[in-house]
C-alpha cells in the first residue's frame, strides 16, 4: 500500500507562472519562487523542468534542489536580493 506522499496527484497547470519561467529561461539568473506553504512552488519548478528535454536539454543538465532542512534555509530581504 502506497503512503499518501508516494502517490501521484493530478497537477494544476499554472500557465502564467510557467510562461514567466520560459521567458526567463535564457537569462543567466537563478530563479527563485516564493510563497506560502504547500501552494505549488515545487510543482511549478518540476513542471518547468519536465518541459526542458522536449527543447533538447538533457536531463542530466538540469539541477533541481528542494530542501526543507532549517539549516539550509536562508532569509533574504529586498536589499540583499
PDB file of N, CA and C in Angstrom:
ATOM      1  N   UNK A   1       0.839  -1.185   0.000  1.00  0.00           N
ATOM      2  CA  UNK A   1       0.000   0.000   0.000  1.00  0.00           C
ATOM      3  C   UNK A   1       0.882   1.247   0.000  1.00  0.00           C
ATOM      4  N   UNK A   2       0.629   2.132  -0.943  1.00  0.00           N
ATOM      5  CA  UNK A   2       1.424   3.361  -1.031  1.00  0.00           C
ATOM      6  C   UNK A   2       0.993   4.344   0.041  1.00  0.00           C
ATOM      7  N   UNK A   3       1.988   5.037   0.561  1.00  0.00           N
ATOM      8  CA  UNK A   3       1.688   6.098   1.511  1.00  0.00           C
ATOM      9  C   UNK A   3       1.217   7.315   0.734  1.00  0.00           C
ATOM     10  N   UNK A   4       0.525   8.205   1.406  1.00  0.00           N
ATOM     11  CA  UNK A   4      -0.057   9.366   0.750  1.00  0.00           C
ATOM     12  C   UNK A   4       0.984  10.173  -0.005  1.00  0.00           C
ATOM     13  N   UNK A   5       2.162  10.399   0.583  1.00  0.00           N
ATOM     14  CA  UNK A   5       3.184  11.219  -0.060  1.00  0.00           C
ATOM     15  C   UNK A   5       3.857  10.520  -1.232  1.00  0.00           C
ATOM     16  N   UNK A   6       3.615   9.223  -1.429  1.00  0.00           N
ATOM     17  CA  UNK A   6       4.192   8.499  -2.558  1.00  0.00           C
ATOM     18  C   UNK A   6       3.243   8.462  -3.757  1.00  0.00           C
ATOM     19  N   UNK A   7       2.010   8.894  -3.585  1.00  0.00           N
ATOM     20  CA  UNK A   7       1.028   8.841  -4.661  1.00  0.00           C
ATOM     21  C   UNK A   7       1.206  10.015  -5.607  1.00  0.00           C
ATOM     22  N   UNK A   8       0.834   9.794  -6.855  1.00  0.00           N
ATOM     23  CA  UNK A   8       0.824  10.863  -7.854  1.00  0.00           C
ATOM     24  C   UNK A   8      -0.558  11.495  -7.852  1.00  0.00           C
ATOM     25  N   UNK A   9      -0.587  12.797  -7.771  1.00  0.00           N
ATOM     26  CA  UNK A   9      -1.844  13.528  -7.808  1.00  0.00           C
ATOM     27  C   UNK A   9      -1.895  14.353  -9.083  1.00  0.00           C
ATOM     28  N   UNK A  10      -3.100  14.635  -9.584  1.00  0.00           N
ATOM     29  CA  UNK A  10      -3.193  15.491 -10.770  1.00  0.00           C
ATOM     30  C   UNK A  10      -2.618  16.869 -10.463  1.00  0.00           C
ATOM     31  N   UNK A  11      -1.921  17.422 -11.434  1.00  0.00           N
ATOM     32  CA  UNK A  11      -1.307  18.735 -11.245  1.00  0.00           C
ATOM     33  C   UNK A  11      -2.192  19.815 -11.842  1.00  0.00           C
ATOM     34  N   UNK A  12      -2.216  20.943 -11.170  1.00  0.00           N
ATOM     35  CA  UNK A  12      -2.880  22.123 -11.716  1.00  0.00           C
ATOM     36  C   UNK A  12      -1.833  22.858 -12.532  1.00  0.00           C
ATOM     37  N   UNK A  13      -2.069  23.001 -13.823  1.00  0.00           N
ATOM     38  CA  UNK A  13      -1.101  23.685 -14.680  1.00  0.00           C
ATOM     39  C   UNK A  13      -1.218  25.181 -14.432  1.00  0.00           C
ATOM     40  N   UNK A  14      -0.150  25.762 -14.005  1.00  0.00           N
ATOM     41  CA  UNK A  14      -0.123  27.199 -13.723  1.00  0.00           C
ATOM     42  C   UNK A  14       0.555  27.895 -14.904  1.00  0.00           C
ATOM     43  N   UNK A  15      -0.225  28.115 -15.948  1.00  0.00           N
ATOM     44  CA  UNK A  15       0.291  28.606 -17.226  1.00  0.00           C
ATOM     45  C   UNK A  15       1.020  29.935 -17.107  1.00  0.00           C
ATOM     46  N   UNK A  16       0.485  30.850 -16.317  1.00  0.00           N
ATOM     47  CA  UNK A  16       1.105  32.180 -16.207  1.00  0.00           C
ATOM     48  C   UNK A  16       2.508  32.082 -15.600  1.00  0.00           C
ATOM     49  N   UNK A  17       2.638  31.292 -14.547  1.00  0.00           N
ATOM     50  CA  UNK A  17       3.947  31.155 -13.909  1.00  0.00           C
ATOM     51  C   UNK A  17       4.931  30.415 -14.809  1.00  0.00           C
ATOM     52  N   UNK A  18       4.444  29.381 -15.491  1.00  0.00           N
ATOM     53  CA  UNK A  18       5.314  28.650 -16.407  1.00  0.00           C
ATOM     54  C   UNK A  18       5.779  29.547 -17.548  1.00  0.00           C
ATOM     55  N   UNK A  19       4.898  30.386 -18.047  1.00  0.00           N
ATOM     56  CA  UNK A  19       5.272  31.309 -19.124  1.00  0.00           C
ATOM     57  C   UNK A  19       6.335  32.296 -18.648  1.00  0.00           C
ATOM     58  N   UNK A  20       6.213  32.768 -17.421  1.00  0.00           N
ATOM     59  CA  UNK A  20       7.233  33.675 -16.877  1.00  0.00           C
ATOM     60  C   UNK A  20       8.590  32.979 -16.800  1.00  0.00           C
ATOM     61  N   UNK A  21       8.591  31.719 -16.369  1.00  0.00           N
ATOM     62  CA  UNK A  21       9.850  30.975 -16.314  1.00  0.00           C
ATOM     63  C   UNK A  21      10.414  30.750 -17.714  1.00  0.00           C
ATOM     64  N   UNK A  22       9.553  30.438 -18.677  1.00  0.00           N
ATOM     65  CA  UNK A  22      10.020  30.250 -20.058  1.00  0.00           C
ATOM     66  C   UNK A  22      10.672  31.524 -20.588  1.00  0.00           C
ATOM     67  N   UNK A  23      10.082  32.673 -20.281  1.00  0.00           N
ATOM     68  CA  UNK A  23      10.637  33.945 -20.756  1.00  0.00           C
ATOM     69  C   UNK A  23      11.981  34.265 -20.120  1.00  0.00           C
ATOM     70  N   UNK A  24      12.231  33.742 -18.939  1.00  0.00           N
ATOM     71  CA  UNK A  24      13.497  33.999 -18.237  1.00  0.00           C
ATOM     72  C   UNK A  24      14.522  32.889 -18.442  1.00  0.00           C
ATOM     73  N   UNK A  25      14.139  31.856 -19.167  1.00  0.00           N
ATOM     74  CA  UNK A  25      14.977  30.656 -19.276  1.00  0.00           C
ATOM     75  C   UNK A  25      16.383  30.937 -19.785  1.00  0.00           C
ATOM     76  N   UNK A  26      16.544  31.796 -20.748  1.00  0.00           N
ATOM     77  CA  UNK A  26      17.860  32.022 -21.340  1.00  0.00           C
ATOM     78  C   UNK A  26      18.668  33.086 -20.609  1.00  0.00           C
ATOM     79  N   UNK A  27      18.104  33.656 -19.571  1.00  0.00           N
ATOM     80  CA  UNK A  27      18.851  34.628 -18.771  1.00  0.00           C
ATOM     81  C   UNK A  27      19.621  33.869 -17.706  1.00  0.00           C
ATOM     82  N   UNK A  28      20.864  34.245 -17.526  1.00  0.00           N
ATOM     83  CA  UNK A  28      21.712  33.541 -16.563  1.00  0.00           C
ATOM     84  C   UNK A  28      21.429  34.053 -15.154  1.00  0.00           C
ATOM     85  N   UNK A  29      20.235  33.741 -14.696  1.00  0.00           N
ATOM     86  CA  UNK A  29      19.789  34.122 -13.367  1.00  0.00           C
ATOM     87  C   UNK A  29      19.311  32.877 -12.633  1.00  0.00           C
ATOM     88  N   UNK A  30      19.445  32.896 -11.337  1.00  0.00           N
ATOM     89  CA  UNK A  30      18.851  31.841 -10.527  1.00  0.00           C
ATOM     90  C   UNK A  30      17.387  32.200 -10.335  1.00  0.00           C
ATOM     91  N   UNK A  31      16.523  31.259 -10.614  1.00  0.00           N
ATOM     92  CA  UNK A  31      15.093  31.503 -10.464  1.00  0.00           C
ATOM     93  C   UNK A  31      14.669  31.087  -9.060  1.00  0.00           C
ATOM     94  N   UNK A  32      14.013  31.983  -8.352  1.00  0.00           N
ATOM     95  CA  UNK A  32      13.528  31.713  -7.002  1.00  0.00           C
ATOM     96  C   UNK A  32      12.027  31.952  -6.993  1.00  0.00           C
ATOM     97  N   UNK A  33      11.301  30.969  -6.506  1.00  0.00           N
ATOM     98  CA  UNK A  33       9.857  31.109  -6.383  1.00  0.00           C
ATOM     99  C   UNK A  33       9.539  31.111  -4.893  1.00  0.00           C
ATOM    100  N   UNK A  34       8.840  32.133  -4.448  1.00  0.00           N
ATOM    101  CA  UNK A  34       8.473  32.225  -3.039  1.00  0.00           C
ATOM    102  C   UNK A  34       6.961  32.156  -2.898  1.00  0.00           C
ATOM    103  N   UNK A  35       6.523  31.776  -1.730  1.00  0.00           N
ATOM    104  CA  UNK A  35       5.092  31.723  -1.470  1.00  0.00           C
ATOM    105  C   UNK A  35       4.819  30.944  -0.208  1.00  0.00           C
ATOM    106  N   UNK A  36       3.577  30.875   0.131  1.00  0.00           N
ATOM    107  CA  UNK A  36       3.152  30.166   1.330  1.00  0.00           C
ATOM    108  C   UNK A  36       3.406  28.671   1.224  1.00  0.00           C
ATOM    109  N   UNK A  37       3.265  28.005   2.344  1.00  0.00           N
ATOM    110  CA  UNK A  37       3.466  26.559   2.366  1.00  0.00           C
ATOM    111  C   UNK A  37       2.414  25.857   1.522  1.00  0.00           C
ATOM    112  N   UNK A  38       2.869  24.852   0.789  1.00  0.00           N
ATOM    113  CA  UNK A  38       2.002  23.950   0.028  1.00  0.00           C
ATOM    114  C   UNK A  38       1.136  24.669  -1.001  1.00  0.00           C
ATOM    115  N   UNK A  39       1.692  25.707  -1.622  1.00  0.00           N
ATOM    116  CA  UNK A  39       0.923  26.436  -2.643  1.00  0.00           C
ATOM    117  C   UNK A  39       1.319  26.023  -4.055  1.00  0.00           C
ATOM    118  N   UNK A  40       2.324  25.136  -4.202  1.00  0.00           N
ATOM    119  CA  UNK A  40       2.677  24.627  -5.522  1.00  0.00           C
ATOM    120  C   UNK A  40       3.999  25.118  -6.075  1.00  0.00           C
ATOM    121  N   UNK A  41       4.854  25.708  -5.256  1.00  0.00           N
ATOM    122  CA  UNK A  41       6.142  26.235  -5.733  1.00  0.00           C
ATOM    123  C   UNK A  41       6.998  25.128  -6.344  1.00  0.00           C
ATOM    124  N   UNK A  42       7.169  24.045  -5.633  1.00  0.00           N
ATOM    125  CA  UNK A  42       7.991  22.937  -6.134  1.00  0.00           C
ATOM    126  C   UNK A  42       7.362  22.307  -7.371  1.00  0.00           C
ATOM    127  N   UNK A  43       6.057  22.204  -7.383  1.00  0.00           N
ATOM    128  CA  UNK A  43       5.359  21.609  -8.525  1.00  0.00           C
ATOM    129  C   UNK A  43       5.561  22.442  -9.781  1.00  0.00           C
ATOM    130  N   UNK A  44       5.527  23.770  -9.652  1.00  0.00           N
ATOM    131  CA  UNK A  44       5.759  24.641 -10.808  1.00  0.00           C
ATOM    132  C   UNK A  44       7.160  24.409 -11.361  1.00  0.00           C
ATOM    133  N   UNK A  45       8.156  24.337 -10.482  1.00  0.00           N
ATOM    134  CA  UNK A  45       9.528  24.095 -10.945  1.00  0.00           C
ATOM    135  C   UNK A  45       9.672  22.710 -11.561  1.00  0.00           C
ATOM    136  N   UNK A  46       8.996  21.716 -10.999  1.00  0.00           N
ATOM    137  CA  UNK A  46       9.049  20.375 -11.575  1.00  0.00           C
ATOM    138  C   UNK A  46       8.414  20.352 -12.968  1.00  0.00           C
ATOM    139  N   UNK A  47       7.297  21.047 -13.150  1.00  0.00           N
ATOM    140  CA  UNK A  47       6.664  21.108 -14.473  1.00  0.00           C
ATOM    141  C   UNK A  47       7.583  21.802 -15.471  1.00  0.00           C
ATOM    142  N   UNK A  48       8.234  22.868 -15.036  1.00  0.00           N
ATOM    143  CA  UNK A  48       9.172  23.583 -15.900  1.00  0.00           C
ATOM    144  C   UNK A  48      10.347  22.677 -16.267  1.00  0.00           C
ATOM    145  N   UNK A  49      10.895  21.982 -15.283  1.00  0.00           N
ATOM    146  CA  UNK A  49      11.999  21.052 -15.530  1.00  0.00           C
ATOM    147  C   UNK A  49      11.586  19.957 -16.513  1.00  0.00           C
ATOM    148  N   UNK A  50      10.360  19.459 -16.387  1.00  0.00           N
ATOM    149  CA  UNK A  50       9.885  18.382 -17.254  1.00  0.00           C
ATOM    150  C   UNK A  50       9.725  18.826 -18.706  1.00  0.00           C
ATOM    151  N   UNK A  51       9.582  20.126 -18.952  1.00  0.00           N
ATOM    152  CA  UNK A  51       9.470  20.648 -20.324  1.00  0.00           C
ATOM    153  C   UNK A  51      10.819  20.701 -21.035  1.00  0.00           C
ATOM    154  N   UNK A  52      11.898  20.803 -20.295  1.00  0.00           N
ATOM    155  CA  UNK A  52      13.207  21.075 -20.884  1.00  0.00           C
ATOM    156  C   UNK A  52      13.705  19.999 -21.849  1.00  0.00           C
ATOM    157  N   UNK A  53      13.531  18.699 -21.575  1.00  0.00           N
ATOM    158  CA  UNK A  53      14.003  17.704 -22.551  1.00  0.00           C
ATOM    159  C   UNK A  53      13.348  17.842 -23.922  1.00  0.00           C
ATOM    160  N   UNK A  54      12.108  18.308 -23.984  1.00  0.00           N
ATOM    161  CA  UNK A  54      11.450  18.483 -25.283  1.00  0.00           C
ATOM    162  C   UNK A  54      12.076  19.630 -26.074  1.00  0.00           C
ATOM    163  N   UNK A  55      12.871  20.461 -25.404  1.00  0.00           N
ATOM    164  CA  UNK A  55      13.579  21.557 -26.066  1.00  0.00           C
ATOM    165  C   UNK A  55      15.039  21.197 -26.332  1.00  0.00           C
ATOM    166  N   UNK A  56      15.368  19.921 -26.162  1.00  0.00           N
ATOM    167  CA  UNK A  56      16.716  19.463 -26.468  1.00  0.00           C
ATOM    168  C   UNK A  56      17.704  19.558 -25.320  1.00  0.00           C
ATOM    169  N   UNK A  57      17.232  19.868 -24.138  1.00  0.00           N
ATOM    170  CA  UNK A  57      18.125  19.970 -22.982  1.00  0.00           C
ATOM    171  C   UNK A  57      18.150  18.622 -22.281  1.00  0.00           C
ATOM    172  N   UNK A  58      19.352  18.091 -22.084  1.00  0.00           N
ATOM    173  CA  UNK A  58      19.492  16.779 -21.469  1.00  0.00           C
ATOM    174  C   UNK A  58      19.088  16.829 -20.000  1.00  0.00           C
ATOM    175  N   UNK A  59      18.492  15.731 -19.540  1.00  0.00           N
ATOM    176  CA  UNK A  59      18.042  15.675 -18.149  1.00  0.00           C
ATOM    177  C   UNK A  59      19.183  15.877 -17.169  1.00  0.00           C
ATOM    178  N   UNK A  60      20.341  15.363 -17.472  1.00  0.00           N
ATOM    179  CA  UNK A  60      21.450  15.488 -16.522  1.00  0.00           C
ATOM    180  C   UNK A  60      21.975  16.920 -16.428  1.00  0.00           C
ATOM    181  N   UNK A  61      21.578  17.784 -17.362  1.00  0.00           N
ATOM    182  CA  UNK A  61      21.998  19.185 -17.315  1.00  0.00           C
ATOM    183  C   UNK A  61      21.100  20.009 -16.396  1.00  0.00           C
ATOM    184  N   UNK A  62      19.998  19.428 -15.955  1.00  0.00           N
ATOM    185  CA  UNK A  62      19.063  20.144 -15.083  1.00  0.00           C
ATOM    186  C   UNK A  62      19.397  19.861 -13.629  1.00  0.00           C
ATOM    187  N   UNK A  63      19.346  20.889 -12.841  1.00  0.00           N
ATOM    188  CA  UNK A  63      19.574  20.716 -11.416  1.00  0.00           C
ATOM    189  C   UNK A  63      18.395  21.304 -10.674  1.00  0.00           C
ATOM    190  N   UNK A  64      17.742  20.477  -9.914  1.00  0.00           N
ATOM    191  CA  UNK A  64      16.581  20.904  -9.136  1.00  0.00           C
ATOM    192  C   UNK A  64      16.819  20.430  -7.720  1.00  0.00           C
ATOM    193  N   UNK A  65      16.905  21.363  -6.795  1.00  0.00           N
ATOM    194  CA  UNK A  65      17.166  21.011  -5.399  1.00  0.00           C
ATOM    195  C   UNK A  65      16.050  21.554  -4.532  1.00  0.00           C
ATOM    196  N   UNK A  66      15.539  20.684  -3.702  1.00  0.00           N
ATOM    197  CA  UNK A  66      14.465  21.073  -2.794  1.00  0.00           C
ATOM    198  C   UNK A  66      14.868  20.587  -1.410  1.00  0.00           C
ATOM    199  N   UNK A  67      14.934  21.504  -0.467  1.00  0.00           N
ATOM    200  CA  UNK A  67      15.333  21.133   0.888  1.00  0.00           C
ATOM    201  C   UNK A  67      14.505  21.914   1.888  1.00  0.00           C
ATOM    202  N   UNK A  68      14.039  21.215   2.891  1.00  0.00           N
ATOM    203  CA  UNK A  68      13.267  21.860   3.942  1.00  0.00           C
ATOM    204  C   UNK A  68      14.011  21.838   5.269  1.00  0.00           C
ATOM    205  N   UNK A  69      15.277  21.471   5.225  1.00  0.00           N
ATOM    206  CA  UNK A  69      16.081  21.443   6.446  1.00  0.00           C
ATOM    207  C   UNK A  69      16.291  22.871   6.937  1.00  0.00           C
ATOM    208  N   UNK A  70      16.017  23.142   8.205  1.00  0.00           N
ATOM    209  CA  UNK A  70      16.178  24.515   8.716  1.00  0.00           C
ATOM    210  C   UNK A  70      17.565  25.092   8.470  1.00  0.00           C
ATOM    211  N   UNK A  71      18.595  24.271   8.505  1.00  0.00           N
ATOM    212  CA  UNK A  71      19.958  24.770   8.281  1.00  0.00           C
ATOM    213  C   UNK A  71      20.159  25.225   6.841  1.00  0.00           C
ATOM    214  N   UNK A  72      19.350  24.716   5.919  1.00  0.00           N
ATOM    215  CA  UNK A  72      19.501  25.068   4.507  1.00  0.00           C
ATOM    216  C   UNK A  72      18.710  26.317   4.136  1.00  0.00           C
ATOM    217  N   UNK A  73      17.855  26.761   5.025  1.00  0.00           N
ATOM    218  CA  UNK A  73      17.018  27.916   4.725  1.00  0.00           C
ATOM    219  C   UNK A  73      17.741  29.202   5.072  1.00  0.00           C
ATOM    220  N   UNK A  74      17.662  30.162   4.188  1.00  0.00           N
ATOM    221  CA  UNK A  74      18.272  31.469   4.398  1.00  0.00           C
ATOM    222  C   UNK A  74      17.195  32.521   4.235  1.00  0.00           C
ATOM    223  N   UNK A  75      17.234  33.504   5.082  1.00  0.00           N
ATOM    224  CA  UNK A  75      16.268  34.595   4.990  1.00  0.00           C
ATOM    225  C   UNK A  75      16.867  35.700   4.137  1.00  0.00           C
ATOM    226  N   UNK A  76      16.134  36.133   3.124  1.00  0.00           N
ATOM    227  CA  UNK A  76      16.566  37.225   2.262  1.00  0.00           C
ATOM    228  C   UNK A  76      15.672  38.428   2.518  1.00  0.00           C
ATOM    229  N   UNK A  77      16.234  39.587   2.358  1.00  0.00           N
ATOM    230  CA  UNK A  77      15.398  40.781   2.369  1.00  0.00           C
ATOM    231  C   UNK A  77      15.512  41.441   0.998  1.00  0.00           C
ATOM    232  N   UNK A  78      14.710  42.446   0.748  1.00  0.00           N
ATOM    233  CA  UNK A  78      14.699  43.088  -0.569  1.00  0.00           C
ATOM    234  C   UNK A  78      16.048  43.689  -0.935  1.00  0.00           C
ATOM    235  N   UNK A  79      16.800  44.161   0.037  1.00  0.00           N
ATOM    236  CA  UNK A  79      18.085  44.799  -0.241  1.00  0.00           C
ATOM    237  C   UNK A  79      19.121  43.771  -0.684  1.00  0.00           C
ATOM    238  N   UNK A  80      19.156  42.608  -0.026  1.00  0.00           N
ATOM    239  CA  UNK A  80      20.174  41.615  -0.369  1.00  0.00           C
ATOM    240  C   UNK A  80      19.886  40.926  -1.694  1.00  0.00           C
ATOM    241  N   UNK A  81      18.644  40.950  -2.163  1.00  0.00           N
ATOM    242  CA  UNK A  81      18.328  40.346  -3.450  1.00  0.00           C
ATOM    243  C   UNK A  81      18.686  41.314  -4.540  1.00  0.00           C
TER     244      UNK A  81
END
